[in-house]
Amino acid sequence: MNTKDIDKEEIDFLKYIGGEVLDLGEGYAQLGFDIKQHHKQHFGVVHGGAIATLADHCGWYAAVSALEKEQTAVTIELKINYLKPADGQILTAEARVVNKSKRTVFTTIELFAKDTLVAYCTATYHILIKKD
């Protein structure tokens, strides 16, 4: 699939949280957002749900970048390990496709704040044919 086509995909929820695609290649994606007050939980660090949301979007971009133009994908499994509190100014995620079969794409996603690994995630996406 042409990564330029994927980059133009408008995902409203990603835009809503302030996320953007920073880099995209075949089987690879990097996304991020500037950490704002609304991303934080009661201890002042990034909420786990915001981290998981960025991870899922990043994994999806990596997954669909490895598919044919008429295909897309949906999340069927997401596992996240929170390693350290995420604070600072920017949260970034890097996803890589580890395995692609006829029906699924398996990815790993690493999330960073201040160049510190704050979460590690694996995600599986089910491959679908796009409906016009």
Protein backbone atom coordinates (compact mmCIF):
# COMPACT_ATOMS: atom_id res chain seq x y z
CA MET A 1 0.00 0.00 0.00
CA ASN A 2 1.21 3.50 -0.74
CA THR A 3 2.05 5.16 2.57
CA LYS A 4 1.01 8.54 1.13
CA ASP A 5 -2.56 7.21 0.88
CA ILE A 6 -2.48 6.07 4.50
CA ASP A 7 -1.06 9.37 5.75
CA LYS A 8 -4.10 11.14 4.30
CA GLU A 9 -6.52 8.93 6.27
CA GLU A 10 -8.47 11.24 8.57
CA ILE A 11 -9.01 9.59 11.91
CA ASP A 12 -11.21 11.89 13.95
CA PHE A 13 -10.37 10.40 17.36
CA LEU A 14 -6.62 10.74 16.74
CA LYS A 15 -7.15 14.38 15.75
CA TYR A 16 -9.39 14.88 18.81
CA ILE A 17 -6.60 13.87 21.20
CA GLY A 18 -4.09 16.05 19.33
CA GLY A 19 -2.21 13.13 17.76
CA GLU A 20 -0.41 13.23 14.46
CA VAL A 21 1.56 10.96 12.17
CA LEU A 22 5.25 11.82 12.49
CA ASP A 23 6.75 9.14 10.23
CA LEU A 24 5.37 6.32 8.13
CA GLY A 25 6.97 3.53 6.13
CA GLU A 26 6.07 0.01 5.05
CA GLY A 27 5.36 -1.86 8.27
CA TYR A 28 6.42 1.11 10.43
CA ALA A 29 4.72 4.12 11.97
CA GLN A 30 5.61 6.85 14.43
CA LEU A 31 2.89 9.00 15.99
CA GLY A 32 2.87 11.52 18.79
CA PHE A 33 1.09 14.28 20.60
CA ASP A 34 2.03 17.28 22.70
CA ILE A 35 1.11 16.41 26.29
CA LYS A 36 -1.67 18.72 27.50
CA GLN A 37 -3.45 18.94 30.83
CA HIS A 38 -6.43 16.95 29.50
CA HIS A 39 -4.11 13.97 28.80
CA LYS A 40 -3.13 13.74 32.47
CA GLN A 41 -4.59 11.81 35.37
CA HIS A 42 -4.85 12.89 39.02
CA PHE A 43 -1.10 12.42 39.75
CA GLY A 44 -0.15 14.77 36.90
CA VAL A 45 1.25 12.16 34.51
CA VAL A 46 -0.24 10.96 31.22
CA HIS A 47 -3.36 8.85 31.73
CA GLY A 48 -3.01 5.18 30.77
CA GLY A 49 -5.99 5.50 28.44
CA ALA A 50 -4.26 8.26 26.46
CA ILE A 51 -1.13 6.10 26.18
CA ALA A 52 -3.17 3.09 25.04
CA THR A 53 -5.06 5.21 22.51
CA LEU A 54 -1.85 6.47 20.94
CA ALA A 55 -0.44 2.93 20.92
CA ASP A 56 -3.52 1.52 19.16
CA HIS A 57 -3.52 4.22 16.49
CA CYS A 58 0.22 3.81 15.90
CA GLY A 59 -0.08 0.03 15.59
CA TRP A 60 -2.97 0.46 13.16
CA TYR A 61 -0.95 2.78 10.90
CA ALA A 62 1.95 0.31 10.85
CA ALA A 63 -0.44 -2.58 10.15
CA VAL A 64 -2.29 -0.95 7.25
CA SER A 65 0.98 0.24 5.72
CA ALA A 66 1.79 -3.45 5.13
CA LEU A 67 -1.55 -4.21 3.42
CA GLU A 68 -2.86 -3.99 -0.12
CA LYS A 69 -4.69 -0.84 -1.19
CA GLU A 70 -8.15 -2.46 -0.97
CA GLN A 71 -7.51 -3.73 2.57
CA THR A 72 -7.85 -2.15 5.98
CA ALA A 73 -7.69 -3.49 9.53
CA VAL A 74 -9.39 -3.34 12.92
CA THR A 75 -7.98 -4.04 16.36
CA ILE A 76 -8.78 -7.47 17.77
CA GLU A 77 -6.27 -7.53 20.65
CA LEU A 78 -4.17 -4.99 22.51
CA LYS A 79 -1.85 -5.68 25.44
CA ILE A 80 0.05 -2.91 27.14
CA ASN A 81 2.68 -2.89 29.85
CA TYR A 82 3.08 0.44 31.63
CA LEU A 83 6.74 0.71 32.63
CA LYS A 84 7.19 4.25 33.98
CA PRO A 85 5.03 7.34 34.47
CA ALA A 86 4.85 9.46 31.32
CA ASP A 87 5.44 13.16 31.79
CA GLY A 88 7.14 15.92 29.88
CA GLN A 89 6.05 17.73 26.76
CA ILE A 90 5.67 15.06 24.08
CA LEU A 91 4.49 11.45 23.99
CA THR A 92 5.60 9.43 20.97
CA ALA A 93 4.87 5.90 19.80
CA GLU A 94 6.78 3.72 17.34
CA ALA A 95 5.14 0.63 15.86
CA ARG A 96 6.56 -2.17 13.76
CA VAL A 97 4.88 -5.07 12.01
CA VAL A 98 6.31 -8.32 13.34
CA ASN A 99 4.10 -10.76 11.45
CA LYS A 100 1.46 -10.58 8.73
CA SER A 101 -0.71 -13.53 7.78
CA LYS A 102 -3.73 -13.84 5.49
CA ARG A 103 -6.08 -12.65 8.24
CA THR A 104 -4.07 -10.74 10.83
CA VAL A 105 -1.20 -8.34 11.38
CA PHE A 106 0.78 -8.49 14.63
CA THR A 107 2.65 -5.37 15.79
CA THR A 108 4.84 -4.15 18.63
CA ILE A 109 4.58 -0.58 19.86
CA GLU A 110 7.00 1.32 22.08
CA LEU A 111 5.94 4.58 23.72
CA PHE A 112 8.37 7.26 24.84
CA ALA A 113 8.30 10.44 26.94
CA LYS A 114 11.52 12.41 27.33
CA ASP A 115 13.37 9.63 25.45
CA THR A 116 12.31 7.23 28.22
CA LEU A 117 10.44 4.04 27.36
CA VAL A 118 7.19 4.41 29.32
CA ALA A 119 5.10 1.59 27.83
CA TYR A 120 5.45 -1.49 25.64
CA CYS A 121 2.51 -2.84 23.70
CA THR A 122 1.60 -5.66 21.35
CA ALA A 123 -1.45 -5.45 19.14
CA THR A 124 -3.16 -7.70 16.62
CA TYR A 125 -5.27 -6.32 13.79
CA HIS A 126 -7.80 -8.26 11.71
CA ILE A 127 -7.51 -7.64 7.96
CA LEU A 128 -10.68 -6.57 6.15
CA ILE A 129 -11.59 -5.55 2.61
CA LYS A 130 -12.55 -1.86 2.45
CA LYS A 131 -16.17 -1.09 1.65
CA ASP A 132 -16.77 1.96 -0.51
